[in-house]
């Protein structure tokens, strides 16, 4: 059986190509059980250190530092929960650029983003792919800065 072209390495190559072509990426992330331990703490959304999945939050901080766009894509039956989630994200340093809105396909049934971090959509592999891209970006920026320093 032939391997799908967008399994892990192919997915990374595609993400890198999109980044190089468009000079930005739209990274969507879910809240419950992605950056918030919903199974343990439920919907008692507050600034609770133990409820936060810091590994993913730190990864998303890297997205913001790289100048990429964050989309909080979450299911909220109540608008006030959506607002609380956005406020907590901002407090943790990952202010969403968009909330449940896909700027590249407004009004479409299927949202558009370059990568989704979601506990129900391959969170581990998506996080690994994104980590690899951010590391590559950091190395590239470091090398560019060293080149500039030598030219001065």
N, C-alpha and C. Protein backbone atom coordinates (compact mmCIF):
# COMPACT_ATOMS: atom_id res chain seq x y z
N UNK A 1 0.84 -1.18 0.00
CA UNK A 1 0.00 0.00 0.00
C UNK A 1 0.89 1.25 0.00
N UNK A 2 0.59 2.17 -0.87
CA UNK A 2 1.38 3.39 -1.01
C UNK A 2 1.13 4.33 0.18
N UNK A 3 2.20 4.92 0.72
CA UNK A 3 2.07 5.86 1.84
C UNK A 3 1.46 7.17 1.35
N UNK A 4 0.59 7.73 2.15
CA UNK A 4 -0.05 9.00 1.81
C UNK A 4 1.02 10.10 1.71
N UNK A 5 0.93 10.99 0.72
CA UNK A 5 1.97 12.01 0.53
C UNK A 5 2.06 13.04 1.66
N UNK A 6 1.02 13.13 2.48
CA UNK A 6 1.06 14.12 3.56
C UNK A 6 1.12 13.51 4.94
N UNK A 7 1.71 12.30 5.03
CA UNK A 7 2.07 11.80 6.35
C UNK A 7 3.17 12.70 6.88
N UNK A 8 3.70 12.44 8.03
CA UNK A 8 4.53 13.37 8.79
C UNK A 8 5.55 14.14 7.95
N UNK A 9 6.44 13.48 7.23
CA UNK A 9 7.46 14.22 6.47
C UNK A 9 6.83 15.03 5.34
N UNK A 10 5.89 14.45 4.65
CA UNK A 10 5.21 15.18 3.58
C UNK A 10 4.44 16.36 4.12
N UNK A 11 3.85 16.20 5.30
CA UNK A 11 3.11 17.31 5.92
C UNK A 11 4.05 18.44 6.30
N UNK A 12 5.22 18.09 6.81
CA UNK A 12 6.21 19.13 7.14
C UNK A 12 6.66 19.85 5.88
N UNK A 13 6.97 19.10 4.83
CA UNK A 13 7.42 19.71 3.58
C UNK A 13 6.35 20.66 3.02
N UNK A 14 5.11 20.25 3.10
CA UNK A 14 4.00 21.08 2.61
C UNK A 14 3.88 22.36 3.45
N UNK A 15 3.97 22.23 4.77
CA UNK A 15 3.88 23.38 5.65
C UNK A 15 5.01 24.36 5.39
N UNK A 16 6.21 23.84 5.23
CA UNK A 16 7.37 24.69 4.94
C UNK A 16 7.19 25.39 3.59
N UNK A 17 6.72 24.68 2.59
CA UNK A 17 6.51 25.29 1.27
C UNK A 17 5.47 26.41 1.35
N UNK A 18 4.40 26.19 2.11
CA UNK A 18 3.37 27.23 2.27
C UNK A 18 3.95 28.45 3.00
N UNK A 19 4.76 28.21 4.00
CA UNK A 19 5.38 29.31 4.74
C UNK A 19 6.30 30.12 3.83
N UNK A 20 7.11 29.43 3.05
CA UNK A 20 8.03 30.12 2.14
C UNK A 20 7.27 30.88 1.05
N UNK A 21 6.17 30.33 0.59
CA UNK A 21 5.40 30.96 -0.48
C UNK A 21 4.64 32.18 0.01
N UNK A 22 4.00 32.07 1.19
CA UNK A 22 3.09 33.13 1.65
C UNK A 22 3.67 34.00 2.77
N UNK A 23 4.81 33.60 3.32
CA UNK A 23 5.49 34.34 4.38
C UNK A 23 4.67 34.43 5.67
N UNK A 24 3.68 33.59 5.80
CA UNK A 24 2.93 33.46 7.05
C UNK A 24 2.19 32.13 7.03
N UNK A 25 1.71 31.75 8.18
CA UNK A 25 0.88 30.55 8.30
C UNK A 25 -0.26 30.85 9.26
N UNK A 26 -1.34 30.13 9.12
CA UNK A 26 -2.48 30.22 10.01
C UNK A 26 -2.55 28.92 10.81
N UNK A 27 -2.24 29.02 12.08
CA UNK A 27 -2.19 27.86 12.96
C UNK A 27 -3.43 27.90 13.85
N UNK A 28 -4.29 26.92 13.71
CA UNK A 28 -5.50 26.84 14.54
C UNK A 28 -5.25 25.91 15.71
N UNK A 29 -5.91 26.22 16.82
CA UNK A 29 -5.79 25.35 17.99
C UNK A 29 -7.11 25.31 18.74
N UNK A 30 -7.37 24.14 19.29
CA UNK A 30 -8.54 23.94 20.13
C UNK A 30 -8.16 24.31 21.56
N UNK A 31 -9.13 24.52 22.39
CA UNK A 31 -8.88 24.86 23.79
C UNK A 31 -8.99 23.62 24.68
N UNK A 32 -10.19 23.03 24.73
CA UNK A 32 -10.45 21.92 25.64
C UNK A 32 -9.66 20.68 25.25
N UNK A 33 -8.88 20.19 26.20
CA UNK A 33 -8.01 19.02 26.07
C UNK A 33 -6.89 19.20 25.05
N UNK A 34 -6.66 20.45 24.65
CA UNK A 34 -5.49 20.77 23.83
C UNK A 34 -4.58 21.69 24.64
N UNK A 35 -5.12 22.79 25.14
CA UNK A 35 -4.32 23.63 26.05
C UNK A 35 -4.93 23.68 27.45
N UNK A 36 -6.09 23.10 27.63
CA UNK A 36 -6.79 23.07 28.93
C UNK A 36 -7.22 21.64 29.22
N UNK A 37 -6.86 21.11 30.38
CA UNK A 37 -7.21 19.74 30.76
C UNK A 37 -8.69 19.67 31.15
N UNK A 38 -9.52 19.57 30.14
CA UNK A 38 -10.97 19.56 30.34
C UNK A 38 -11.42 18.30 31.08
N UNK A 39 -10.79 17.18 30.80
CA UNK A 39 -11.22 15.92 31.44
C UNK A 39 -11.07 15.99 32.95
N UNK A 40 -10.08 16.71 33.45
CA UNK A 40 -9.87 16.84 34.89
C UNK A 40 -10.59 18.04 35.48
N UNK A 41 -10.54 19.19 34.79
CA UNK A 41 -11.03 20.44 35.38
C UNK A 41 -12.35 20.93 34.79
N UNK A 42 -12.85 20.29 33.76
CA UNK A 42 -14.13 20.65 33.18
C UNK A 42 -14.16 22.07 32.66
N UNK A 43 -15.34 22.67 32.70
CA UNK A 43 -15.50 24.02 32.15
C UNK A 43 -15.43 25.10 33.23
N UNK A 44 -14.69 24.84 34.27
CA UNK A 44 -14.43 25.84 35.32
C UNK A 44 -13.22 26.65 34.88
N UNK A 45 -13.40 27.43 33.82
CA UNK A 45 -12.30 28.15 33.21
C UNK A 45 -11.84 29.29 34.12
N UNK A 46 -10.62 29.18 34.58
CA UNK A 46 -10.00 30.20 35.41
C UNK A 46 -8.50 30.07 35.22
N UNK A 47 -7.76 30.96 35.79
CA UNK A 47 -6.31 30.91 35.63
C UNK A 47 -5.74 29.88 36.61
N UNK A 48 -5.87 28.60 36.25
CA UNK A 48 -5.45 27.48 37.08
C UNK A 48 -4.21 26.85 36.45
N UNK A 49 -3.07 27.06 37.06
CA UNK A 49 -1.79 26.60 36.51
C UNK A 49 -1.82 25.10 36.17
N UNK A 50 -2.40 24.30 37.05
CA UNK A 50 -2.39 22.85 36.87
C UNK A 50 -3.27 22.39 35.71
N UNK A 51 -4.23 23.20 35.32
CA UNK A 51 -5.15 22.80 34.26
C UNK A 51 -4.60 23.08 32.86
N UNK A 52 -3.53 23.85 32.80
CA UNK A 52 -2.99 24.28 31.51
C UNK A 52 -1.98 23.26 30.98
N UNK A 53 -2.09 22.93 29.71
CA UNK A 53 -1.13 22.06 29.03
C UNK A 53 0.00 22.95 28.51
N UNK A 54 0.98 23.20 29.37
CA UNK A 54 2.01 24.21 29.10
C UNK A 54 2.88 23.88 27.89
N UNK A 55 3.08 22.61 27.61
CA UNK A 55 3.89 22.25 26.44
C UNK A 55 3.30 22.83 25.16
N UNK A 56 1.99 22.73 25.01
CA UNK A 56 1.32 23.27 23.82
C UNK A 56 1.27 24.79 23.88
N UNK A 57 1.04 25.34 25.06
CA UNK A 57 1.04 26.81 25.19
C UNK A 57 2.39 27.37 24.78
N UNK A 58 3.48 26.75 25.23
CA UNK A 58 4.82 27.22 24.86
C UNK A 58 5.04 27.11 23.35
N UNK A 59 4.55 26.06 22.76
CA UNK A 59 4.66 25.90 21.31
C UNK A 59 3.91 27.04 20.61
N UNK A 60 2.72 27.36 21.09
CA UNK A 60 1.94 28.45 20.49
C UNK A 60 2.58 29.82 20.73
N UNK A 61 3.29 29.97 21.83
CA UNK A 61 4.05 31.21 22.04
C UNK A 61 5.12 31.35 20.96
N UNK A 62 5.72 30.23 20.59
CA UNK A 62 6.70 30.24 19.51
C UNK A 62 6.08 30.66 18.19
N UNK A 63 4.84 30.26 17.97
CA UNK A 63 4.11 30.66 16.77
C UNK A 63 3.95 32.18 16.75
N UNK A 64 3.54 32.73 17.89
CA UNK A 64 3.37 34.20 17.99
C UNK A 64 4.71 34.90 17.78
N UNK A 65 5.76 34.39 18.39
CA UNK A 65 7.08 35.01 18.27
C UNK A 65 7.59 34.97 16.84
N UNK A 66 7.19 33.97 16.09
CA UNK A 66 7.60 33.85 14.69
C UNK A 66 6.75 34.73 13.78
N UNK A 67 5.75 35.39 14.35
CA UNK A 67 4.91 36.29 13.57
C UNK A 67 3.81 35.59 12.78
N UNK A 68 3.54 34.35 13.12
CA UNK A 68 2.48 33.60 12.44
C UNK A 68 1.14 33.90 13.09
N UNK A 69 0.06 33.53 12.44
CA UNK A 69 -1.28 33.84 12.91
C UNK A 69 -1.88 32.67 13.69
N UNK A 70 -2.52 33.01 14.81
CA UNK A 70 -3.18 32.01 15.65
C UNK A 70 -4.69 32.14 15.53
N UNK A 71 -5.33 30.99 15.36
CA UNK A 71 -6.79 30.93 15.32
C UNK A 71 -7.25 30.02 16.46
N UNK A 72 -7.97 30.57 17.42
CA UNK A 72 -8.60 29.76 18.45
C UNK A 72 -9.86 29.18 17.82
N UNK A 73 -9.84 27.86 17.60
CA UNK A 73 -10.96 27.18 16.96
C UNK A 73 -11.54 26.24 18.00
N UNK A 74 -12.62 26.66 18.63
CA UNK A 74 -13.15 25.92 19.77
C UNK A 74 -14.66 25.86 19.74
N UNK A 75 -15.18 24.84 20.35
CA UNK A 75 -16.63 24.68 20.43
C UNK A 75 -17.14 25.27 21.73
N UNK A 76 -18.01 26.25 21.63
CA UNK A 76 -18.55 26.91 22.82
C UNK A 76 -20.05 27.11 22.67
N UNK A 77 -20.82 26.42 23.50
CA UNK A 77 -22.26 26.66 23.43
C UNK A 77 -22.65 28.06 23.94
N UNK A 78 -21.81 28.62 24.81
CA UNK A 78 -22.08 29.95 25.35
C UNK A 78 -20.99 30.93 24.92
N UNK A 79 -21.40 32.09 24.40
CA UNK A 79 -20.46 33.11 23.96
C UNK A 79 -19.52 33.52 25.09
N UNK A 80 -20.02 33.55 26.32
CA UNK A 80 -19.19 33.96 27.45
C UNK A 80 -18.02 32.99 27.67
N UNK A 81 -18.22 31.69 27.40
CA UNK A 81 -17.11 30.74 27.52
C UNK A 81 -16.05 31.02 26.46
N UNK A 82 -16.49 31.36 25.27
CA UNK A 82 -15.55 31.72 24.19
C UNK A 82 -14.72 32.94 24.61
N UNK A 83 -15.36 33.93 25.19
CA UNK A 83 -14.66 35.13 25.64
C UNK A 83 -13.66 34.81 26.75
N UNK A 84 -14.06 33.94 27.69
CA UNK A 84 -13.16 33.56 28.79
C UNK A 84 -11.95 32.81 28.24
N UNK A 85 -12.19 31.90 27.31
CA UNK A 85 -11.08 31.16 26.70
C UNK A 85 -10.10 32.10 26.01
N UNK A 86 -10.62 33.07 25.28
CA UNK A 86 -9.76 34.04 24.59
C UNK A 86 -8.98 34.88 25.59
N UNK A 87 -9.62 35.28 26.68
CA UNK A 87 -8.93 36.05 27.71
C UNK A 87 -7.81 35.25 28.36
N UNK A 88 -8.06 33.97 28.64
CA UNK A 88 -7.03 33.12 29.23
C UNK A 88 -5.86 32.93 28.26
N UNK A 89 -6.17 32.72 27.00
CA UNK A 89 -5.11 32.59 26.00
C UNK A 89 -4.23 33.84 25.99
N UNK A 90 -4.86 34.99 26.02
CA UNK A 90 -4.12 36.26 26.02
C UNK A 90 -3.26 36.35 27.28
N UNK A 91 -3.80 35.98 28.42
CA UNK A 91 -3.05 36.03 29.67
C UNK A 91 -1.83 35.11 29.62
N UNK A 92 -1.96 34.00 28.94
CA UNK A 92 -0.87 33.03 28.84
C UNK A 92 0.10 33.33 27.69
N UNK A 93 -0.09 34.45 27.01
CA UNK A 93 0.84 34.87 25.97
C UNK A 93 0.55 34.34 24.58
N UNK A 94 -0.66 33.85 24.36
CA UNK A 94 -1.01 33.31 23.04
C UNK A 94 -2.32 33.94 22.55
N UNK A 95 -2.34 35.25 22.53
CA UNK A 95 -3.55 35.96 22.10
C UNK A 95 -3.91 35.55 20.68
N UNK A 96 -5.13 35.04 20.51
CA UNK A 96 -5.54 34.62 19.17
C UNK A 96 -5.73 35.82 18.24
N UNK A 97 -5.31 35.65 17.00
CA UNK A 97 -5.58 36.67 15.99
C UNK A 97 -7.03 36.58 15.52
N UNK A 98 -7.58 35.37 15.59
CA UNK A 98 -8.96 35.13 15.19
C UNK A 98 -9.56 34.10 16.13
N UNK A 99 -10.88 34.18 16.32
CA UNK A 99 -11.59 33.22 17.15
C UNK A 99 -12.74 32.64 16.33
N UNK A 100 -12.67 31.34 16.11
CA UNK A 100 -13.69 30.63 15.32
C UNK A 100 -14.00 31.34 14.01
N UNK A 101 -12.96 31.86 13.40
CA UNK A 101 -13.09 32.57 12.12
C UNK A 101 -11.88 32.21 11.27
N UNK A 102 -12.15 31.88 10.04
CA UNK A 102 -11.09 31.50 9.11
C UNK A 102 -10.94 32.62 8.07
N UNK A 103 -9.93 33.48 8.20
CA UNK A 103 -9.81 34.64 7.32
C UNK A 103 -9.57 34.30 5.85
N UNK A 104 -9.07 33.11 5.57
CA UNK A 104 -8.81 32.74 4.19
C UNK A 104 -10.02 32.13 3.50
N UNK A 105 -11.03 31.80 4.29
CA UNK A 105 -12.26 31.27 3.69
C UNK A 105 -13.47 31.69 4.53
N UNK A 106 -13.67 33.01 4.66
CA UNK A 106 -14.79 33.48 5.49
C UNK A 106 -16.13 32.99 4.95
N UNK A 107 -16.94 32.52 5.87
CA UNK A 107 -18.27 32.05 5.49
C UNK A 107 -18.31 30.63 4.96
N UNK A 108 -17.17 30.03 4.74
CA UNK A 108 -17.14 28.65 4.22
C UNK A 108 -17.50 27.67 5.33
N UNK A 109 -18.04 26.54 4.94
CA UNK A 109 -18.38 25.51 5.91
C UNK A 109 -17.10 24.88 6.46
N UNK A 110 -16.14 24.63 5.60
CA UNK A 110 -14.87 24.05 6.04
C UNK A 110 -13.87 25.17 6.28
N UNK A 111 -13.35 25.27 7.51
CA UNK A 111 -12.38 26.33 7.79
C UNK A 111 -11.05 26.07 7.10
N UNK A 112 -10.31 27.12 6.86
CA UNK A 112 -8.98 26.99 6.24
C UNK A 112 -7.93 27.45 7.24
N UNK A 113 -6.99 26.58 7.49
CA UNK A 113 -5.79 26.93 8.24
C UNK A 113 -4.69 25.99 7.77
N UNK A 114 -3.45 26.33 8.06
CA UNK A 114 -2.35 25.51 7.58
C UNK A 114 -2.08 24.31 8.48
N UNK A 115 -2.42 24.44 9.76
CA UNK A 115 -2.18 23.35 10.70
C UNK A 115 -3.16 23.49 11.86
N UNK A 116 -3.65 22.36 12.35
CA UNK A 116 -4.58 22.35 13.47
C UNK A 116 -3.98 21.56 14.62
N UNK A 117 -3.95 22.19 15.79
CA UNK A 117 -3.56 21.49 17.02
C UNK A 117 -4.85 21.19 17.78
N UNK A 118 -5.19 19.91 17.86
CA UNK A 118 -6.45 19.51 18.46
C UNK A 118 -6.29 18.09 19.01
N UNK A 119 -6.77 17.87 20.22
CA UNK A 119 -6.65 16.55 20.85
C UNK A 119 -7.35 15.46 20.04
N UNK A 120 -8.27 15.83 19.18
CA UNK A 120 -9.00 14.84 18.38
C UNK A 120 -8.56 14.83 16.92
N UNK A 121 -7.44 15.46 16.65
CA UNK A 121 -6.99 15.54 15.26
C UNK A 121 -5.47 15.39 15.16
N UNK A 122 -4.91 14.41 15.82
CA UNK A 122 -3.48 14.15 15.70
C UNK A 122 -2.61 15.21 16.36
N UNK A 123 -2.94 15.57 17.59
CA UNK A 123 -2.23 16.63 18.30
C UNK A 123 -0.72 16.40 18.35
N UNK A 124 -0.31 15.19 18.69
CA UNK A 124 1.12 14.91 18.84
C UNK A 124 1.88 15.12 17.53
N UNK A 125 1.39 14.57 16.44
CA UNK A 125 2.12 14.72 15.17
C UNK A 125 2.08 16.17 14.69
N UNK A 126 0.95 16.86 14.87
CA UNK A 126 0.87 18.27 14.48
C UNK A 126 1.86 19.10 15.29
N UNK A 127 1.96 18.83 16.59
CA UNK A 127 2.89 19.57 17.45
C UNK A 127 4.33 19.30 17.03
N UNK A 128 4.65 18.07 16.67
CA UNK A 128 6.01 17.74 16.22
C UNK A 128 6.35 18.45 14.93
N UNK A 129 5.44 18.48 14.00
CA UNK A 129 5.65 19.15 12.72
C UNK A 129 5.86 20.65 12.94
N UNK A 130 5.03 21.24 13.78
CA UNK A 130 5.14 22.67 14.06
C UNK A 130 6.44 22.98 14.81
N UNK A 131 6.81 22.16 15.75
CA UNK A 131 8.07 22.35 16.48
C UNK A 131 9.26 22.34 15.53
N UNK A 132 9.24 21.41 14.60
CA UNK A 132 10.33 21.29 13.62
C UNK A 132 10.41 22.55 12.76
N UNK A 133 9.26 23.06 12.34
CA UNK A 133 9.23 24.27 11.52
C UNK A 133 9.75 25.47 12.31
N UNK A 134 9.33 25.62 13.56
CA UNK A 134 9.77 26.75 14.38
C UNK A 134 11.26 26.67 14.67
N UNK A 135 11.78 25.46 14.88
CA UNK A 135 13.21 25.30 15.09
C UNK A 135 13.99 25.68 13.84
N UNK A 136 13.53 25.23 12.70
CA UNK A 136 14.18 25.59 11.43
C UNK A 136 14.15 27.10 11.23
N UNK A 137 13.03 27.73 11.53
CA UNK A 137 12.89 29.18 11.41
C UNK A 137 13.86 29.89 12.35
N UNK A 138 14.00 29.41 13.57
CA UNK A 138 14.92 30.03 14.54
C UNK A 138 16.37 29.91 14.08
N UNK A 139 16.73 28.74 13.56
CA UNK A 139 18.10 28.56 13.06
C UNK A 139 18.36 29.48 11.87
N UNK A 140 17.40 29.57 10.97
CA UNK A 140 17.54 30.46 9.81
C UNK A 140 17.73 31.90 10.26
N UNK A 141 16.90 32.36 11.19
CA UNK A 141 17.00 33.74 11.68
C UNK A 141 18.33 33.98 12.38
N UNK A 142 18.81 33.01 13.12
CA UNK A 142 20.11 33.12 13.78
C UNK A 142 21.22 33.28 12.75
N UNK A 143 21.19 32.45 11.72
CA UNK A 143 22.22 32.52 10.67
C UNK A 143 22.16 33.85 9.93
N UNK A 144 20.97 34.35 9.66
CA UNK A 144 20.82 35.64 8.99
C UNK A 144 21.38 36.76 9.86
N UNK A 145 21.12 36.71 11.15
CA UNK A 145 21.66 37.73 12.07
C UNK A 145 23.17 37.68 12.12
N UNK A 146 23.75 36.48 12.10
CA UNK A 146 25.21 36.35 12.10
C UNK A 146 25.81 36.94 10.82
N UNK A 147 25.14 36.71 9.69
CA UNK A 147 25.60 37.28 8.42
C UNK A 147 25.61 38.81 8.49
N UNK A 148 24.53 39.36 9.02
CA UNK A 148 24.42 40.83 9.13
C UNK A 148 25.49 41.40 10.04
N UNK A 149 25.78 40.69 11.15
CA UNK A 149 26.81 41.15 12.09
C UNK A 149 28.18 41.19 11.41
N UNK A 150 28.46 40.20 10.59
CA UNK A 150 29.74 40.15 9.88
C UNK A 150 29.86 41.27 8.85
N UNK A 151 28.74 41.66 8.28
CA UNK A 151 28.75 42.73 7.27
C UNK A 151 28.95 44.10 7.90
N UNK A 152 28.60 44.24 9.17
CA UNK A 152 28.77 45.52 9.86
C UNK A 152 30.18 45.67 10.24
